[in-house]
PDB file of N, CA and C in Angstrom:
ATOM      1  N   MET A   1     -23.082  16.887  16.628  1.00  0.00           N
ATOM      2  CA  MET A   1     -22.464  16.213  17.783  1.00  0.00           C
ATOM      3  C   MET A   1     -21.102  16.781  18.157  1.00  0.00           C
ATOM      4  N   LYS A   2     -21.011  16.718  19.379  1.00  0.00           N
ATOM      5  CA  LYS A   2     -19.700  17.112  20.060  1.00  0.00           C
ATOM      6  C   LYS A   2     -18.583  15.985  20.072  1.00  0.00           C
ATOM      7  N   ALA A   3     -17.334  16.232  19.672  1.00  0.00           N
ATOM      8  CA  ALA A   3     -16.390  15.437  19.561  1.00  0.00           C
ATOM      9  C   ALA A   3     -15.338  15.684  20.899  1.00  0.00           C
ATOM     10  N   LEU A   4     -15.038  14.591  21.576  1.00  0.00           N
ATOM     11  CA  LEU A   4     -14.250  15.008  22.774  1.00  0.00           C
ATOM     12  C   LEU A   4     -12.862  14.110  22.649  1.00  0.00           C
ATOM     13  N   THR A   5     -11.864  14.548  23.263  1.00  0.00           N
ATOM     14  CA  THR A   5     -10.660  13.914  23.295  1.00  0.00           C
ATOM     15  C   THR A   5     -10.232  13.710  24.674  1.00  0.00           C
ATOM     16  N   VAL A   6      -9.997  12.304  25.199  1.00  0.00           N
ATOM     17  CA  VAL A   6      -9.667  12.234  26.616  1.00  0.00           C
ATOM     18  C   VAL A   6      -8.011  11.976  26.499  1.00  0.00           C
ATOM     19  N   ARG A   7      -7.220  12.674  27.560  1.00  0.00           N
ATOM     20  CA  ARG A   7      -5.863  12.625  27.582  1.00  0.00           C
ATOM     21  C   ARG A   7      -5.727  11.925  28.865  1.00  0.00           C
ATOM     22  N   ASN A   8      -4.414  11.482  29.003  1.00  0.00           N
ATOM     23  CA  ASN A   8      -3.940  10.905  30.218  1.00  0.00           C
ATOM     24  C   ASN A   8      -4.493   9.738  30.773  1.00  0.00           C
ATOM     25  N   VAL A   9      -5.147   8.848  29.829  1.00  0.00           N
ATOM     26  CA  VAL A   9      -5.884   7.529  30.443  1.00  0.00           C
ATOM     27  C   VAL A   9      -4.774   6.674  31.006  1.00  0.00           C
ATOM     28  N   ASN A  10      -4.849   6.343  32.330  1.00  0.00           N
ATOM     29  CA  ASN A  10      -3.915   5.569  32.900  1.00  0.00           C
ATOM     30  C   ASN A  10      -4.076   4.049  32.382  1.00  0.00           C
ATOM     31  N   PRO A  11      -2.945   3.389  32.288  1.00  0.00           N
ATOM     32  CA  PRO A  11      -2.963   1.938  31.804  1.00  0.00           C
ATOM     33  C   PRO A  11      -4.074   0.911  32.510  1.00  0.00           C
ATOM     34  N   SER A  12      -4.296   1.120  33.706  1.00  0.00           N
ATOM     35  CA  SER A  12      -5.220   0.107  34.181  1.00  0.00           C
ATOM     36  C   SER A  12      -6.714   0.560  33.665  1.00  0.00           C
ATOM     37  N   LEU A  13      -6.992   1.771  33.547  1.00  0.00           N
ATOM     38  CA  LEU A  13      -8.243   2.233  33.040  1.00  0.00           C
ATOM     39  C   LEU A  13      -8.412   1.773  31.358  1.00  0.00           C
ATOM     40  N   ALA A  14      -7.272   1.929  30.720  1.00  0.00           N
ATOM     41  CA  ALA A  14      -7.167   1.476  29.363  1.00  0.00           C
ATOM     42  C   ALA A  14      -7.517   0.223  29.108  1.00  0.00           C
ATOM     43  N   ARG A  15      -6.930  -0.598  30.143  1.00  0.00           N
ATOM     44  CA  ARG A  15      -7.177  -2.203  30.024  1.00  0.00           C
ATOM     45  C   ARG A  15      -8.624  -2.355  30.264  1.00  0.00           C
ATOM     46  N   ALA A  16      -9.296  -1.875  31.352  1.00  0.00           N
ATOM     47  CA  ALA A  16     -10.512  -2.032  31.746  1.00  0.00           C
ATOM     48  C   ALA A  16     -11.484  -1.894  30.640  1.00  0.00           C
ATOM     49  N   LEU A  17     -11.172  -0.575  29.919  1.00  0.00           N
ATOM     50  CA  LEU A  17     -12.067  -0.171  28.799  1.00  0.00           C
ATOM     51  C   LEU A  17     -11.952  -1.292  27.659  1.00  0.00           C
ATOM     52  N   GLU A  18     -10.786  -1.845  27.385  1.00  0.00           N
ATOM     53  CA  GLU A  18     -10.469  -2.608  26.444  1.00  0.00           C
ATOM     54  C   GLU A  18     -11.203  -4.074  26.747  1.00  0.00           C
ATOM     55  N   ARG A  19     -11.270  -4.458  27.926  1.00  0.00           N
ATOM     56  CA  ARG A  19     -11.859  -5.635  28.432  1.00  0.00           C
ATOM     57  C   ARG A  19     -13.495  -5.549  28.226  1.00  0.00           C
ATOM     58  N   GLU A  20     -13.954  -4.299  28.660  1.00  0.00           N
ATOM     59  CA  GLU A  20     -15.554  -3.942  28.554  1.00  0.00           C
ATOM     60  C   GLU A  20     -15.867  -3.910  27.130  1.00  0.00           C
ATOM     61  N   THR A  21     -14.956  -3.329  26.285  1.00  0.00           N
ATOM     62  CA  THR A  21     -15.249  -3.388  24.696  1.00  0.00           C
ATOM     63  C   THR A  21     -15.440  -4.703  24.114  1.00  0.00           C
ATOM     64  N   ALA A  22     -14.615  -5.641  24.723  1.00  0.00           N
ATOM     65  CA  ALA A  22     -14.403  -6.881  24.041  1.00  0.00           C
ATOM     66  C   ALA A  22     -15.734  -7.582  24.609  1.00  0.00           C
ATOM     67  N   ARG A  23     -16.098  -7.305  25.888  1.00  0.00           N
ATOM     68  CA  ARG A  23     -17.299  -8.036  26.611  1.00  0.00           C
ATOM     69  C   ARG A  23     -18.586  -7.733  25.861  1.00  0.00           C
ATOM     70  N   ARG A  24     -18.598  -6.438  25.550  1.00  0.00           N
ATOM     71  CA  ARG A  24     -19.839  -5.995  24.785  1.00  0.00           C
ATOM     72  C   ARG A  24     -19.973  -6.040  23.362  1.00  0.00           C
ATOM     73  N   GLY A  25     -18.604  -6.389  22.717  1.00  0.00           N
ATOM     74  CA  GLY A  25     -18.635  -6.623  21.453  1.00  0.00           C
ATOM     75  C   GLY A  25     -19.019  -5.280  20.614  1.00  0.00           C
ATOM     76  N   THR A  26     -18.525  -4.189  21.143  1.00  0.00           N
ATOM     77  CA  THR A  26     -18.856  -2.873  20.534  1.00  0.00           C
ATOM     78  C   THR A  26     -17.476  -2.057  20.251  1.00  0.00           C
ATOM     79  N   SER A  27     -17.593  -1.098  19.613  1.00  0.00           N
ATOM     80  CA  SER A  27     -16.385  -0.210  19.472  1.00  0.00           C
ATOM     81  C   SER A  27     -16.002   0.375  20.750  1.00  0.00           C
ATOM     82  N   LEU A  28     -14.767   0.778  21.024  1.00  0.00           N
ATOM     83  CA  LEU A  28     -14.137   1.593  21.798  1.00  0.00           C
ATOM     84  C   LEU A  28     -15.067   2.655  22.160  1.00  0.00           C
ATOM     85  N   ASN A  29     -15.356   3.538  21.053  1.00  0.00           N
ATOM     86  CA  ASN A  29     -16.154   4.798  21.165  1.00  0.00           C
ATOM     87  C   ASN A  29     -17.614   4.529  21.853  1.00  0.00           C
ATOM     88  N   GLN A  30     -18.237   3.448  21.242  1.00  0.00           N
ATOM     89  CA  GLN A  30     -19.456   3.088  21.632  1.00  0.00           C
ATOM     90  C   GLN A  30     -19.473   2.798  23.235  1.00  0.00           C
ATOM     91  N   THR A  31     -18.564   1.994  23.532  1.00  0.00           N
ATOM     92  CA  THR A  31     -18.508   1.463  24.963  1.00  0.00           C
ATOM     93  C   THR A  31     -18.333   2.727  25.871  1.00  0.00           C
ATOM     94  N   VAL A  32     -17.513   3.612  25.692  1.00  0.00           N
ATOM     95  CA  VAL A  32     -17.180   4.830  26.391  1.00  0.00           C
ATOM     96  C   VAL A  32     -18.438   5.636  26.475  1.00  0.00           C
ATOM     97  N   LEU A  33     -19.213   5.920  25.489  1.00  0.00           N
ATOM     98  CA  LEU A  33     -20.462   6.599  25.260  1.00  0.00           C
ATOM     99  C   LEU A  33     -21.640   6.004  26.197  1.00  0.00           C
ATOM    100  N   ASP A  34     -21.663   4.625  26.132  1.00  0.00           N
ATOM    101  CA  ASP A  34     -22.638   3.966  26.860  1.00  0.00           C
ATOM    102  C   ASP A  34     -22.382   3.904  28.411  1.00  0.00           C
ATOM    103  N   LEU A  35     -20.991   3.828  28.595  1.00  0.00           N
ATOM    104  CA  LEU A  35     -20.635   4.068  30.099  1.00  0.00           C
ATOM    105  C   LEU A  35     -20.977   5.498  30.713  1.00  0.00           C
ATOM    106  N   LEU A  36     -20.648   6.401  29.848  1.00  0.00           N
ATOM    107  CA  LEU A  36     -20.845   7.900  30.303  1.00  0.00           C
ATOM    108  C   LEU A  36     -22.368   8.024  30.396  1.00  0.00           C
ATOM    109  N   GLN A  37     -23.131   7.654  29.653  1.00  0.00           N
ATOM    110  CA  GLN A  37     -24.532   7.760  29.733  1.00  0.00           C
ATOM    111  C   GLN A  37     -25.115   7.108  30.799  1.00  0.00           C
ATOM    112  N   GLN A  38     -24.647   5.968  31.053  1.00  0.00           N
ATOM    113  CA  GLN A  38     -25.153   5.019  32.176  1.00  0.00           C
ATOM    114  C   GLN A  38     -24.641   5.839  33.486  1.00  0.00           C
ATOM    115  N   ALA A  39     -23.421   6.118  33.731  1.00  0.00           N
ATOM    116  CA  ALA A  39     -22.859   6.692  34.875  1.00  0.00           C
ATOM    117  C   ALA A  39     -23.510   8.066  35.191  1.00  0.00           C
ATOM    118  N   LEU A  40     -24.008   9.004  34.207  1.00  0.00           N
ATOM    119  CA  LEU A  40     -24.435  10.163  34.414  1.00  0.00           C
ATOM    120  C   LEU A  40     -25.998  10.207  34.279  1.00  0.00           C
ATOM    121  N   GLY A  41     -26.748   9.155  34.144  1.00  0.00           N
ATOM    122  CA  GLY A  41     -27.947   9.194  33.999  1.00  0.00           C
ATOM    123  C   GLY A  41     -28.459   9.908  32.677  1.00  0.00           C
ATOM    124  N   ALA A  42     -27.579  10.079  31.642  1.00  0.00           N
ATOM    125  CA  ALA A  42     -28.028  10.968  30.676  1.00  0.00           C
ATOM    126  C   ALA A  42     -28.927  10.186  29.663  1.00  0.00           C
ATOM    127  N   ASP A  43     -29.320   9.067  29.837  1.00  0.00           N
ATOM    128  CA  ASP A  43     -29.988   8.226  28.917  1.00  0.00           C
ATOM    129  C   ASP A  43     -31.577   8.280  29.562  1.00  0.00           C
ATOM    130  N   PRO A  44     -32.455   9.176  29.010  1.00  0.00           N
ATOM    131  CA  PRO A  44     -33.775   9.288  29.747  1.00  0.00           C
ATOM    132  C   PRO A  44     -34.577   7.862  29.661  1.00  0.00           C
ATOM    133  N   GLY A  45     -34.267   7.220  28.731  1.00  0.00           N
ATOM    134  CA  GLY A  45     -34.906   5.798  28.512  1.00  0.00           C
ATOM    135  C   GLY A  45     -34.614   4.747  29.449  1.00  0.00           C
ATOM    136  N   ALA A  46     -33.395   4.856  30.051  1.00  0.00           N
ATOM    137  CA  ALA A  46     -32.678   3.931  30.805  1.00  0.00           C
ATOM    138  C   ALA A  46     -33.044   4.167  32.415  1.00  0.00           C
ATOM    139  N   LEU A  47     -33.282   3.207  33.084  1.00  0.00           N
ATOM    140  CA  LEU A  47     -33.435   3.269  34.533  1.00  0.00           C
ATOM    141  C   LEU A  47     -32.025   3.102  35.242  1.00  0.00           C
ATOM    142  N   ARG A  48     -31.852   4.088  36.203  1.00  0.00           N
ATOM    143  CA  ARG A  48     -30.481   3.937  36.965  1.00  0.00           C
ATOM    144  C   ARG A  48     -30.826   3.011  37.957  1.00  0.00           C
ATOM    145  N   SER A  49     -29.803   2.184  38.318  1.00  0.00           N
ATOM    146  CA  SER A  49     -29.827   1.154  39.394  1.00  0.00           C
ATOM    147  C   SER A  49     -28.635   1.369  40.202  1.00  0.00           C
ATOM    148  N   ASN A  50     -29.055   1.095  41.507  1.00  0.00           N
ATOM    149  CA  ASN A  50     -27.980   1.035  42.609  1.00  0.00           C
ATOM    150  C   ASN A  50     -27.375  -0.390  42.791  1.00  0.00           C
ATOM    151  N   GLY A  51     -27.887  -1.379  42.008  1.00  0.00           N
ATOM    152  CA  GLY A  51     -27.416  -2.753  42.254  1.00  0.00           C
ATOM    153  C   GLY A  51     -28.356  -3.528  43.091  1.00  0.00           C
ATOM    154  N   LEU A  52     -29.253  -2.885  43.674  1.00  0.00           N
ATOM    155  CA  LEU A  52     -30.236  -3.507  44.535  1.00  0.00           C
ATOM    156  C   LEU A  52     -31.662  -4.000  43.849  1.00  0.00           C
ATOM    157  N   ARG A  53     -31.661  -3.642  42.579  1.00  0.00           N
ATOM    158  CA  ARG A  53     -33.129  -3.853  41.990  1.00  0.00           C
ATOM    159  C   ARG A  53     -33.421  -5.427  41.990  1.00  0.00           C
ATOM    160  N   GLY A  54     -32.621  -6.285  41.984  1.00  0.00           N
ATOM    161  CA  GLY A  54     -32.800  -7.671  42.056  1.00  0.00           C
ATOM    162  C   GLY A  54     -33.299  -8.209  43.340  1.00  0.00           C
ATOM    163  N   PHE A  55     -33.230  -7.324  44.385  1.00  0.00           N
ATOM    164  CA  PHE A  55     -33.636  -7.659  45.736  1.00  0.00           C
ATOM    165  C   PHE A  55     -35.015  -7.133  45.986  1.00  0.00           C
ATOM    166  N   SER A  56     -35.378  -6.133  45.450  1.00  0.00           N
ATOM    167  CA  SER A  56     -36.720  -5.621  45.590  1.00  0.00           C
ATOM    168  C   SER A  56     -37.949  -6.360  45.086  1.00  0.00           C
ATOM    169  N   GLY A  57     -38.914  -6.450  45.952  1.00  0.00           N
ATOM    170  CA  GLY A  57     -40.055  -7.125  45.552  1.00  0.00           C
ATOM    171  C   GLY A  57     -40.028  -8.691  45.314  1.00  0.00           C
ATOM    172  N   THR A  58     -38.874  -9.246  45.959  1.00  0.00           N
ATOM    173  CA  THR A  58     -38.764 -10.714  45.700  1.00  0.00           C
ATOM    174  C   THR A  58     -39.207 -11.569  46.769  1.00  0.00           C
ATOM    175  N   TRP A  59     -39.640 -11.186  47.824  1.00  0.00           N
ATOM    176  CA  TRP A  59     -40.152 -11.936  48.856  1.00  0.00           C
ATOM    177  C   TRP A  59     -41.728 -12.134  48.744  1.00  0.00           C
ATOM    178  N   SER A  60     -42.152 -13.237  49.185  1.00  0.00           N
ATOM    179  CA  SER A  60     -43.586 -13.458  49.261  1.00  0.00           C
ATOM    180  C   SER A  60     -44.183 -12.927  50.550  1.00  0.00           C
ATOM    181  N   ASP A  61     -45.307 -12.891  50.839  1.00  0.00           N
ATOM    182  CA  ASP A  61     -45.956 -12.550  51.960  1.00  0.00           C
ATOM    183  C   ASP A  61     -45.468 -13.322  53.161  1.00  0.00           C
ATOM    184  N   GLU A  62     -45.469 -14.476  52.846  1.00  0.00           N
ATOM    185  CA  GLU A  62     -45.125 -15.570  53.870  1.00  0.00           C
ATOM    186  C   GLU A  62     -43.630 -15.277  54.310  1.00  0.00           C
ATOM    187  N   GLU A  63     -42.710 -14.978  53.217  1.00  0.00           N
ATOM    188  CA  GLU A  63     -41.226 -14.833  53.680  1.00  0.00           C
ATOM    189  C   GLU A  63     -41.158 -13.476  54.492  1.00  0.00           C
ATOM    190  N   ARG A  64     -42.094 -12.350  54.149  1.00  0.00           N
ATOM    191  CA  ARG A  64     -41.905 -11.199  54.867  1.00  0.00           C
ATOM    192  C   ARG A  64     -42.360 -11.362  56.510  1.00  0.00           C
ATOM    193  N   VAL A  65     -43.310 -12.116  56.433  1.00  0.00           N
ATOM    194  CA  VAL A  65     -43.938 -12.263  57.889  1.00  0.00           C
ATOM    195  C   VAL A  65     -42.761 -13.194  58.609  1.00  0.00           C
ATOM    196  N   GLU A  66     -42.184 -14.019  58.053  1.00  0.00           N
ATOM    197  CA  GLU A  66     -41.228 -14.925  58.724  1.00  0.00           C
ATOM    198  C   GLU A  66     -40.058 -14.030  59.030  1.00  0.00           C
ATOM    199  N   PHE A  67     -39.606 -13.042  58.205  1.00  0.00           N
ATOM    200  CA  PHE A  67     -38.392 -12.180  58.353  1.00  0.00           C
ATOM    201  C   PHE A  67     -38.795 -11.256  59.535  1.00  0.00           C
ATOM    202  N   GLU A  68     -40.037 -10.773  59.507  1.00  0.00           N
ATOM    203  CA  GLU A  68     -40.519  -9.734  60.488  1.00  0.00           C
ATOM    204  C   GLU A  68     -40.478 -10.398  61.973  1.00  0.00           C
ATOM    205  N   ALA A  69     -40.823 -11.691  61.899  1.00  0.00           N
ATOM    206  CA  ALA A  69     -40.957 -12.380  63.258  1.00  0.00           C
ATOM    207  C   ALA A  69     -39.543 -12.615  63.664  1.00  0.00           C
ATOM    208  N   ALA A  70     -38.666 -13.046  62.762  1.00  0.00           N
ATOM    209  CA  ALA A  70     -37.225 -13.390  63.205  1.00  0.00           C
ATOM    210  C   ALA A  70     -36.479 -12.202  63.603  1.00  0.00           C
ATOM    211  N   THR A  71     -36.660 -10.874  63.194  1.00  0.00           N
ATOM    212  CA  THR A  71     -36.185  -9.665  63.647  1.00  0.00           C
ATOM    213  C   THR A  71     -36.872  -8.785  64.542  1.00  0.00           C
ATOM    214  N   ALA A  72     -37.973  -9.216  65.012  1.00  0.00           N
ATOM    215  CA  ALA A  72     -38.772  -8.602  65.953  1.00  0.00           C
ATOM    216  C   ALA A  72     -38.052  -8.273  67.171  1.00  0.00           C
ATOM    217  N   SER A  73     -37.108  -8.942  67.520  1.00  0.00           N
ATOM    218  CA  SER A  73     -36.308  -8.632  68.878  1.00  0.00           C
ATOM    219  C   SER A  73     -35.440  -7.520  68.716  1.00  0.00           C
ATOM    220  N   PHE A  74     -35.288  -7.229  67.372  1.00  0.00           N
ATOM    221  CA  PHE A  74     -34.250  -6.082  67.290  1.00  0.00           C
ATOM    222  C   PHE A  74     -34.854  -4.646  67.539  1.00  0.00           C
ATOM    223  N   GLU A  75     -36.273  -4.587  67.688  1.00  0.00           N
ATOM    224  CA  GLU A  75     -36.822  -3.487  68.071  1.00  0.00           C
ATOM    225  C   GLU A  75     -36.967  -3.232  69.487  1.00  0.00           C
ATOM    226  N   GLN A  76     -36.565  -4.306  70.426  1.00  0.00           N
ATOM    227  CA  GLN A  76     -36.604  -4.319  71.823  1.00  0.00           C
ATOM    228  C   GLN A  76     -35.351  -3.526  72.485  1.00  0.00           C
ATOM    229  N   ILE A  77     -35.677  -2.618  73.398  1.00  0.00           N
ATOM    230  CA  ILE A  77     -34.358  -1.961  73.945  1.00  0.00           C
ATOM    231  C   ILE A  77     -33.912  -2.809  75.215  1.00  0.00           C
ATOM    232  N   ASP A  78     -32.724  -3.048  75.287  1.00  0.00           N
ATOM    233  CA  ASP A  78     -32.138  -3.812  76.358  1.00  0.00           C
ATOM    234  C   ASP A  78     -31.909  -2.611  77.423  1.00  0.00           C
ATOM    235  N   LYS A  79     -32.760  -2.506  78.428  1.00  0.00           N
ATOM    236  CA  LYS A  79     -32.707  -1.714  79.434  1.00  0.00           C
ATOM    237  C   LYS A  79     -31.367  -1.569  80.352  1.00  0.00           C
ATOM    238  N   GLU A  80     -30.698  -2.693  80.359  1.00  0.00           N
ATOM    239  CA  GLU A  80     -29.373  -2.810  81.047  1.00  0.00           C
ATOM    240  C   GLU A  80     -28.213  -1.915  80.247  1.00  0.00           C
ATOM    241  N   LEU A  81     -28.498  -1.858  79.013  1.00  0.00           N
ATOM    242  CA  LEU A  81     -27.469  -1.143  78.108  1.00  0.00           C
ATOM    243  C   LEU A  81     -27.843   0.300  77.930  1.00  0.00           C
ATOM    244  N   TRP A  82     -29.130   0.589  78.156  1.00  0.00           N
ATOM    245  CA  TRP A  82     -29.718   1.971  77.970  1.00  0.00           C
ATOM    246  C   TRP A  82     -30.369   2.472  79.276  1.00  0.00           C
ATOM    247  N   PRO A  83     -29.774   2.783  80.331  1.00  0.00           N
ATOM    248  CA  PRO A  83     -30.416   3.161  81.526  1.00  0.00           C
ATOM    249  C   PRO A  83     -31.229   4.365  81.395  1.00  0.00           C
TER     250      PRO A  83
END
């Protein structure tokens, strides 16, 4: 295993790491390793997320049809604006 030393950690980052360490209930070292793996996609078993995962596949067919009907006018071109 490779050992790394990180220098010049600004106070706000240090506080954020301390908060995250307390939230997770893990050591500072483990927290930093977990965050680096997640940010870099270095954990092959983990799925990367852009934060939108909770939105995907959550609509029923009825909701999809309702949405498409409500936004159908967005596909129409206003000829007065686009001569």
